[in-house]
Amino acid sequence: MPSSGSVATQDPVEVYLAGLSRALYGPRRRKADLLAEARDSLVDATEAFEAQGMSAAEAAERAVADFGDLADVVPGYRAELGIAQGRRTAVLLVSVMLAQPIVWKEGLWSWNQHPPSPDSFVAFLNDLVMLVGTLSMIGSVLALVASSIGLRCPAVRERATRSTARFALLSCALVSGTAIVLASASRVADGSGPQGLLAVAVFVVAPLLLVSRSAHRCLRLA
């Protein structure tokens, strides 16, 4: 059995930072930056207290106490991570939506070689998909602006994370739903194979599921 004197005393700063890390989740890079900033602040405070004559242990404990209880500090850090997650969600949504005109350009790909269907219902669905896609594209660009330079405005900053997440979830549901219905209706009307539905699954539904996952993380952090 090792003697009690051989047991290293845990550094209060490291214990505090470990607890802060466990309490936070979100974009890794932003989380790492926030933890590094917290570490720098705690180390600077510890050194300042040591310069005043405190022992290293007393200085570290005082620095941690002055920094604040985790229950008080964590919400602010989570809000910062939520903003970063909102920006990531907006970037993902913009990327997916901007790719759609290329994916569905008539005659460019094997799943889009058929001429426009004369079926009126399919034509209506096609117009609806284009409308929903256009609105989602415009909204995703606005969400990206709001989650970046728009954060300079306090009113936008307070609502950016939740608004971006909710818009992204709505867009994912509408775009995926209308695309699936259109592909299914086109297959029935034209007697075509499953290429259209497969393309929707790969290029619409799957990417938007990733966007939805990111949006859900935003709501957890907001």
C-alpha atoms as a PDB file:
ATOM      1  CA  MET A   1       0.000   0.000   0.000  1.00  0.00           C
ATOM      2  CA  PRO A   2       1.464   3.384  -0.945  1.00  0.00           C
ATOM      3  CA  SER A   3       1.714   5.913   1.840  1.00  0.00           C
ATOM      4  CA  SER A   4      -0.609   8.890   1.829  1.00  0.00           C
ATOM      5  CA  GLY A   5       2.337  11.170   1.345  1.00  0.00           C
ATOM      6  CA  SER A   6       3.051   9.567  -2.012  1.00  0.00           C
ATOM      7  CA  VAL A   7      -0.416  10.393  -3.375  1.00  0.00           C
ATOM      8  CA  ALA A   8      -0.172  13.439  -5.563  1.00  0.00           C
ATOM      9  CA  THR A   9      -2.578  16.220  -4.698  1.00  0.00           C
ATOM     10  CA  GLN A  10      -4.841  17.018  -7.592  1.00  0.00           C
ATOM     11  CA  ASP A  11      -4.447  20.470  -9.093  1.00  0.00           C
ATOM     12  CA  PRO A  12      -7.675  22.440  -8.444  1.00  0.00           C
ATOM     13  CA  VAL A  13      -7.346  24.083 -11.856  1.00  0.00           C
ATOM     14  CA  GLU A  14      -7.119  20.738 -13.667  1.00  0.00           C
ATOM     15  CA  VAL A  15     -10.015  19.318 -11.654  1.00  0.00           C
ATOM     16  CA  TYR A  16     -12.115  22.352 -12.518  1.00  0.00           C
ATOM     17  CA  LEU A  17     -11.232  22.188 -16.216  1.00  0.00           C
ATOM     18  CA  ALA A  18     -12.008  18.469 -16.329  1.00  0.00           C
ATOM     19  CA  GLY A  19     -15.454  19.128 -14.856  1.00  0.00           C
ATOM     20  CA  LEU A  20     -16.026  21.964 -17.313  1.00  0.00           C
ATOM     21  CA  SER A  21     -15.038  19.720 -20.221  1.00  0.00           C
ATOM     22  CA  ARG A  22     -17.446  16.987 -19.127  1.00  0.00           C
ATOM     23  CA  ALA A  23     -20.292  19.499 -18.883  1.00  0.00           C
ATOM     24  CA  LEU A  24     -19.770  20.843 -22.413  1.00  0.00           C
ATOM     25  CA  TYR A  25     -20.566  19.299 -25.784  1.00  0.00           C
ATOM     26  CA  GLY A  26     -20.687  20.729 -29.263  1.00  0.00           C
ATOM     27  CA  PRO A  27     -18.226  21.557 -32.055  1.00  0.00           C
ATOM     28  CA  ARG A  28     -14.854  20.162 -30.973  1.00  0.00           C
ATOM     29  CA  ARG A  29     -12.725  23.020 -32.214  1.00  0.00           C
ATOM     30  CA  ARG A  30     -14.824  25.683 -30.527  1.00  0.00           C
ATOM     31  CA  LYS A  31     -14.980  23.647 -27.317  1.00  0.00           C
ATOM     32  CA  ALA A  32     -11.203  23.276 -27.350  1.00  0.00           C
ATOM     33  CA  ASP A  33     -10.820  27.035 -27.846  1.00  0.00           C
ATOM     34  CA  LEU A  34     -13.147  27.798 -24.924  1.00  0.00           C
ATOM     35  CA  LEU A  35     -11.322  25.375 -22.632  1.00  0.00           C
ATOM     36  CA  ALA A  36      -7.973  26.861 -23.656  1.00  0.00           C
ATOM     37  CA  GLU A  37      -9.264  30.352 -22.849  1.00  0.00           C
ATOM     38  CA  ALA A  38     -10.516  29.155 -19.468  1.00  0.00           C
ATOM     39  CA  ARG A  39      -7.173  27.495 -18.736  1.00  0.00           C
ATOM     40  CA  ASP A  40      -5.254  30.671 -19.629  1.00  0.00           C
ATOM     41  CA  SER A  41      -7.485  32.749 -17.357  1.00  0.00           C
ATOM     42  CA  LEU A  42      -7.090  30.340 -14.442  1.00  0.00           C
ATOM     43  CA  VAL A  43      -3.322  30.057 -14.871  1.00  0.00           C
ATOM     44  CA  ASP A  44      -2.941  33.846 -15.035  1.00  0.00           C
ATOM     45  CA  ALA A  45      -5.053  34.265 -11.906  1.00  0.00           C
ATOM     46  CA  THR A  46      -3.094  31.568 -10.072  1.00  0.00           C
ATOM     47  CA  GLU A  47       0.208  33.237 -10.927  1.00  0.00           C
ATOM     48  CA  ALA A  48      -1.147  36.605  -9.782  1.00  0.00           C
ATOM     49  CA  PHE A  49      -2.199  35.190  -6.398  1.00  0.00           C
ATOM     50  CA  GLU A  50       1.170  33.449  -6.023  1.00  0.00           C
ATOM     51  CA  ALA A  51       2.870  36.805  -6.633  1.00  0.00           C
ATOM     52  CA  GLN A  52       0.867  38.150  -3.692  1.00  0.00           C
ATOM     53  CA  GLY A  53       2.454  35.564  -1.391  1.00  0.00           C
ATOM     54  CA  MET A  54      -0.007  32.641  -1.528  1.00  0.00           C
ATOM     55  CA  SER A  55       1.173  29.069  -1.873  1.00  0.00           C
ATOM     56  CA  ALA A  56       0.628  27.337  -5.224  1.00  0.00           C
ATOM     57  CA  ALA A  57      -2.292  25.287  -3.849  1.00  0.00           C
ATOM     58  CA  GLU A  58      -3.954  28.272  -2.182  1.00  0.00           C
ATOM     59  CA  ALA A  59      -3.497  30.393  -5.306  1.00  0.00           C
ATOM     60  CA  ALA A  60      -5.066  27.726  -7.540  1.00  0.00           C
ATOM     61  CA  GLU A  61      -8.027  27.272  -5.195  1.00  0.00           C
ATOM     62  CA  ARG A  62      -8.567  31.028  -5.064  1.00  0.00           C
ATOM     63  CA  ALA A  63      -8.377  31.303  -8.857  1.00  0.00           C
ATOM     64  CA  VAL A  64     -10.988  28.558  -9.247  1.00  0.00           C
ATOM     65  CA  ALA A  65     -13.269  30.145  -6.647  1.00  0.00           C
ATOM     66  CA  ASP A  66     -13.065  33.525  -8.365  1.00  0.00           C
ATOM     67  CA  PHE A  67     -13.723  31.981 -11.792  1.00  0.00           C
ATOM     68  CA  GLY A  68     -17.143  30.776 -10.608  1.00  0.00           C
ATOM     69  CA  ASP A  69     -19.074  27.612  -9.855  1.00  0.00           C
ATOM     70  CA  LEU A  70     -19.604  25.311 -12.807  1.00  0.00           C
ATOM     71  CA  ALA A  71     -23.377  25.695 -12.425  1.00  0.00           C
ATOM     72  CA  ASP A  72     -22.976  29.418 -13.103  1.00  0.00           C
ATOM     73  CA  VAL A  73     -20.276  29.190 -15.781  1.00  0.00           C
ATOM     74  CA  VAL A  74     -21.484  26.296 -17.935  1.00  0.00           C
ATOM     75  CA  PRO A  75     -24.639  27.979 -19.393  1.00  0.00           C
ATOM     76  CA  GLY A  76     -22.577  30.773 -20.925  1.00  0.00           C
ATOM     77  CA  TYR A  77     -20.145  28.339 -22.490  1.00  0.00           C
ATOM     78  CA  ARG A  78     -22.998  26.217 -23.832  1.00  0.00           C
ATOM     79  CA  ALA A  79     -24.514  29.301 -25.438  1.00  0.00           C
ATOM     80  CA  GLU A  80     -21.229  29.948 -27.242  1.00  0.00           C
ATOM     81  CA  LEU A  81     -21.123  26.343 -28.422  1.00  0.00           C
ATOM     82  CA  GLY A  82     -24.743  26.641 -29.538  1.00  0.00           C
ATOM     83  CA  ILE A  83     -23.838  29.604 -31.733  1.00  0.00           C
ATOM     84  CA  ALA A  84     -20.995  27.623 -33.274  1.00  0.00           C
ATOM     85  CA  GLN A  85     -23.300  24.639 -33.832  1.00  0.00           C
ATOM     86  CA  GLY A  86     -25.879  26.942 -35.421  1.00  0.00           C
ATOM     87  CA  ARG A  87     -23.276  28.252 -37.830  1.00  0.00           C
ATOM     88  CA  ARG A  88     -22.279  24.705 -38.719  1.00  0.00           C
ATOM     89  CA  THR A  89     -25.930  23.776 -39.296  1.00  0.00           C
ATOM     90  CA  ALA A  90     -26.430  26.774 -41.567  1.00  0.00           C
ATOM     91  CA  VAL A  91     -23.306  25.901 -43.587  1.00  0.00           C
ATOM     92  CA  LEU A  92     -24.482  22.303 -44.005  1.00  0.00           C
ATOM     93  CA  LEU A  93     -27.945  23.402 -45.110  1.00  0.00           C
ATOM     94  CA  VAL A  94     -26.567  25.938 -47.585  1.00  0.00           C
ATOM     95  CA  SER A  95     -24.215  23.321 -49.047  1.00  0.00           C
ATOM     96  CA  VAL A  96     -26.977  20.745 -49.500  1.00  0.00           C
ATOM     97  CA  MET A  97     -29.431  23.202 -51.032  1.00  0.00           C
ATOM     98  CA  LEU A  98     -26.908  24.791 -53.405  1.00  0.00           C
ATOM     99  CA  ALA A  99     -26.020  21.334 -54.721  1.00  0.00           C
ATOM    100  CA  GLN A 100     -29.627  20.477 -55.643  1.00  0.00           C
ATOM    101  CA  PRO A 101     -29.838  22.397 -58.955  1.00  0.00           C
ATOM    102  CA  ILE A 102     -26.752  20.516 -60.143  1.00  0.00           C
ATOM    103  CA  VAL A 103     -28.015  17.153 -58.925  1.00  0.00           C
ATOM    104  CA  TRP A 104     -31.367  17.574 -60.669  1.00  0.00           C
ATOM    105  CA  LYS A 105     -30.258  19.346 -63.859  1.00  0.00           C
ATOM    106  CA  GLU A 106     -32.320  17.785 -66.633  1.00  0.00           C
ATOM    107  CA  GLY A 107     -30.427  15.325 -68.822  1.00  0.00           C
ATOM    108  CA  LEU A 108     -27.139  15.665 -66.918  1.00  0.00           C
ATOM    109  CA  TRP A 109     -27.338  12.464 -64.868  1.00  0.00           C
ATOM    110  CA  SER A 110     -28.661   8.962 -65.483  1.00  0.00           C
ATOM    111  CA  TRP A 111     -31.559   9.394 -63.024  1.00  0.00           C
ATOM    112  CA  ASN A 112     -32.776  12.519 -64.796  1.00  0.00           C
ATOM    113  CA  GLN A 113     -32.800  11.542 -68.463  1.00  0.00           C
ATOM    114  CA  HIS A 114     -36.587  11.426 -68.911  1.00  0.00           C
ATOM    115  CA  PRO A 115     -38.370  14.439 -70.449  1.00  0.00           C
ATOM    116  CA  PRO A 116     -40.790  16.344 -68.225  1.00  0.00           C
ATOM    117  CA  SER A 117     -43.876  14.263 -67.461  1.00  0.00           C
ATOM    118  CA  PRO A 118     -47.143  15.444 -69.066  1.00  0.00           C
ATOM    119  CA  ASP A 119     -49.024  14.377 -65.928  1.00  0.00           C
ATOM    120  CA  SER A 120     -50.548  17.496 -64.335  1.00  0.00           C
ATOM    121  CA  PHE A 121     -50.067  16.218 -60.778  1.00  0.00           C
ATOM    122  CA  VAL A 122     -46.389  15.522 -61.420  1.00  0.00           C
ATOM    123  CA  ALA A 123     -46.017  18.980 -62.955  1.00  0.00           C
ATOM    124  CA  PHE A 124     -47.635  20.505 -59.862  1.00  0.00           C
ATOM    125  CA  LEU A 125     -45.302  18.558 -57.593  1.00  0.00           C
ATOM    126  CA  ASN A 126     -42.304  19.630 -59.638  1.00  0.00           C
ATOM    127  CA  ASP A 127     -43.303  23.291 -59.271  1.00  0.00           C
ATOM    128  CA  LEU A 128     -43.854  22.741 -55.550  1.00  0.00           C
ATOM    129  CA  VAL A 129     -40.426  21.159 -55.113  1.00  0.00           C
ATOM    130  CA  MET A 130     -38.808  24.068 -56.940  1.00  0.00           C
ATOM    131  CA  LEU A 131     -40.672  26.574 -54.753  1.00  0.00           C
ATOM    132  CA  VAL A 132     -39.817  24.788 -51.504  1.00  0.00           C
ATOM    133  CA  GLY A 133     -36.212  24.349 -52.599  1.00  0.00           C
ATOM    134  CA  THR A 134     -35.852  28.010 -53.553  1.00  0.00           C
ATOM    135  CA  LEU A 135     -37.322  29.222 -50.253  1.00  0.00           C
ATOM    136  CA  SER A 136     -35.115  26.823 -48.315  1.00  0.00           C
ATOM    137  CA  MET A 137     -32.061  27.983 -50.246  1.00  0.00           C
ATOM    138  CA  ILE A 138     -32.821  31.649 -49.552  1.00  0.00           C
ATOM    139  CA  GLY A 139     -33.583  30.912 -45.908  1.00  0.00           C
ATOM    140  CA  SER A 140     -30.399  28.894 -45.460  1.00  0.00           C
ATOM    141  CA  VAL A 141     -28.305  31.784 -46.776  1.00  0.00           C
ATOM    142  CA  LEU A 142     -30.077  34.187 -44.400  1.00  0.00           C
ATOM    143  CA  ALA A 143     -29.512  31.738 -41.524  1.00  0.00           C
ATOM    144  CA  LEU A 144     -25.815  31.621 -42.377  1.00  0.00           C
ATOM    145  CA  VAL A 145     -25.636  35.417 -42.364  1.00  0.00           C
ATOM    146  CA  ALA A 146     -27.529  35.567 -39.059  1.00  0.00           C
ATOM    147  CA  SER A 147     -25.204  32.993 -37.469  1.00  0.00           C
ATOM    148  CA  SER A 148     -22.075  34.870 -38.543  1.00  0.00           C
ATOM    149  CA  ILE A 149     -22.050  38.642 -39.000  1.00  0.00           C
ATOM    150  CA  GLY A 150     -25.589  38.933 -37.637  1.00  0.00           C
ATOM    151  CA  LEU A 151     -24.298  37.950 -34.178  1.00  0.00           C
ATOM    152  CA  ARG A 152     -23.008  41.473 -33.757  1.00  0.00           C
ATOM    153  CA  CYS A 153     -26.619  42.460 -33.100  1.00  0.00           C
ATOM    154  CA  PRO A 154     -27.687  41.399 -29.556  1.00  0.00           C
ATOM    155  CA  ALA A 155     -31.274  40.692 -30.640  1.00  0.00           C
ATOM    156  CA  VAL A 156     -30.068  38.348 -33.387  1.00  0.00           C
ATOM    157  CA  ARG A 157     -27.466  36.733 -31.148  1.00  0.00           C
ATOM    158  CA  GLU A 158     -30.099  35.736 -28.562  1.00  0.00           C
ATOM    159  CA  ARG A 159     -32.311  34.018 -31.146  1.00  0.00           C
ATOM    160  CA  ALA A 160     -29.851  32.837 -33.793  1.00  0.00           C
ATOM    161  CA  THR A 161     -29.282  29.303 -32.510  1.00  0.00           C
ATOM    162  CA  ARG A 162     -32.924  28.299 -31.995  1.00  0.00           C
ATOM    163  CA  SER A 163     -34.120  30.075 -35.151  1.00  0.00           C
ATOM    164  CA  THR A 164     -31.452  28.420 -37.298  1.00  0.00           C
ATOM    165  CA  ALA A 165     -32.220  24.997 -35.833  1.00  0.00           C
ATOM    166  CA  ARG A 166     -35.978  25.296 -36.293  1.00  0.00           C
ATOM    167  CA  PHE A 167     -35.676  26.584 -39.840  1.00  0.00           C
ATOM    168  CA  ALA A 168     -33.233  23.809 -40.706  1.00  0.00           C
ATOM    169  CA  LEU A 169     -35.551  21.117 -39.325  1.00  0.00           C
ATOM    170  CA  LEU A 170     -38.539  22.570 -41.192  1.00  0.00           C
ATOM    171  CA  SER A 171     -36.562  22.792 -44.427  1.00  0.00           C
ATOM    172  CA  CYS A 172     -35.285  19.226 -44.072  1.00  0.00           C
ATOM    173  CA  ALA A 173     -38.791  17.885 -43.560  1.00  0.00           C
ATOM    174  CA  LEU A 174     -40.367  19.849 -46.419  1.00  0.00           C
ATOM    175  CA  VAL A 175     -37.603  19.321 -48.958  1.00  0.00           C
ATOM    176  CA  SER A 176     -37.255  15.611 -48.214  1.00  0.00           C
ATOM    177  CA  GLY A 177     -41.001  15.036 -48.166  1.00  0.00           C
ATOM    178  CA  THR A 178     -41.771  16.846 -51.409  1.00  0.00           C
ATOM    179  CA  ALA A 179     -38.785  15.243 -53.174  1.00  0.00           C
ATOM    180  CA  ILE A 180     -39.888  11.738 -52.171  1.00  0.00           C
ATOM    181  CA  VAL A 181     -43.484  12.372 -53.262  1.00  0.00           C
ATOM    182  CA  LEU A 182     -42.328  13.805 -56.601  1.00  0.00           C
ATOM    183  CA  ALA A 183     -39.983  10.903 -57.300  1.00  0.00           C
ATOM    184  CA  SER A 184     -42.696   8.387 -56.424  1.00  0.00           C
ATOM    185  CA  ALA A 185     -45.321  10.126 -58.555  1.00  0.00           C
ATOM    186  CA  SER A 186     -42.916  10.447 -61.486  1.00  0.00           C
ATOM    187  CA  ARG A 187     -42.108   6.760 -61.308  1.00  0.00           C
ATOM    188  CA  VAL A 188     -45.804   5.851 -61.450  1.00  0.00           C
ATOM    189  CA  ALA A 189     -46.563   8.296 -64.269  1.00  0.00           C
ATOM    190  CA  ASP A 190     -43.540   7.464 -66.431  1.00  0.00           C
ATOM    191  CA  GLY A 191     -43.097   3.803 -65.557  1.00  0.00           C
ATOM    192  CA  SER A 192     -39.443   4.503 -64.866  1.00  0.00           C
ATOM    193  CA  GLY A 193     -37.156   2.474 -62.639  1.00  0.00           C
ATOM    194  CA  PRO A 194     -36.078   3.171 -59.081  1.00  0.00           C
ATOM    195  CA  GLN A 195     -33.218   5.470 -60.074  1.00  0.00           C
ATOM    196  CA  GLY A 196     -35.157   8.605 -59.155  1.00  0.00           C
ATOM    197  CA  LEU A 197     -36.057   7.402 -55.676  1.00  0.00           C
ATOM    198  CA  LEU A 198     -32.524   6.166 -55.113  1.00  0.00           C
ATOM    199  CA  ALA A 199     -31.105   9.530 -56.159  1.00  0.00           C
ATOM    200  CA  VAL A 200     -33.489  11.310 -53.771  1.00  0.00           C
ATOM    201  CA  ALA A 201     -32.394   9.033 -50.933  1.00  0.00           C
ATOM    202  CA  VAL A 202     -28.693   9.596 -51.615  1.00  0.00           C
ATOM    203  CA  PHE A 203     -28.590  13.266 -52.599  1.00  0.00           C
ATOM    204  CA  VAL A 204     -31.535  14.712 -50.658  1.00  0.00           C
ATOM    205  CA  VAL A 205     -32.664  12.609 -47.698  1.00  0.00           C
ATOM    206  CA  ALA A 206     -29.258  11.401 -46.473  1.00  0.00           C
ATOM    207  CA  PRO A 207     -27.566  14.841 -46.488  1.00  0.00           C
ATOM    208  CA  LEU A 208     -30.603  16.452 -44.875  1.00  0.00           C
ATOM    209  CA  LEU A 209     -30.539  13.837 -42.116  1.00  0.00           C
ATOM    210  CA  LEU A 210     -27.061  15.120 -41.270  1.00  0.00           C
ATOM    211  CA  VAL A 211     -28.421  18.661 -41.236  1.00  0.00           C
ATOM    212  CA  SER A 212     -31.269  17.551 -38.958  1.00  0.00           C
ATOM    213  CA  ARG A 213     -28.825  15.927 -36.565  1.00  0.00           C
ATOM    214  CA  SER A 214     -26.836  19.139 -36.371  1.00  0.00           C
ATOM    215  CA  ALA A 215     -30.034  21.139 -35.841  1.00  0.00           C
ATOM    216  CA  HIS A 216     -31.072  18.901 -32.952  1.00  0.00           C
ATOM    217  CA  ARG A 217     -27.707  19.570 -31.331  1.00  0.00           C
ATOM    218  CA  CYS A 218     -28.401  23.291 -31.668  1.00  0.00           C
ATOM    219  CA  LEU A 219     -31.647  22.935 -29.752  1.00  0.00           C
ATOM    220  CA  ARG A 220     -29.881  20.984 -26.989  1.00  0.00           C
ATOM    221  CA  LEU A 221     -27.353  23.787 -26.610  1.00  0.00           C
ATOM    222  CA  ALA A 222     -29.774  26.707 -26.964  1.00  0.00           C
END
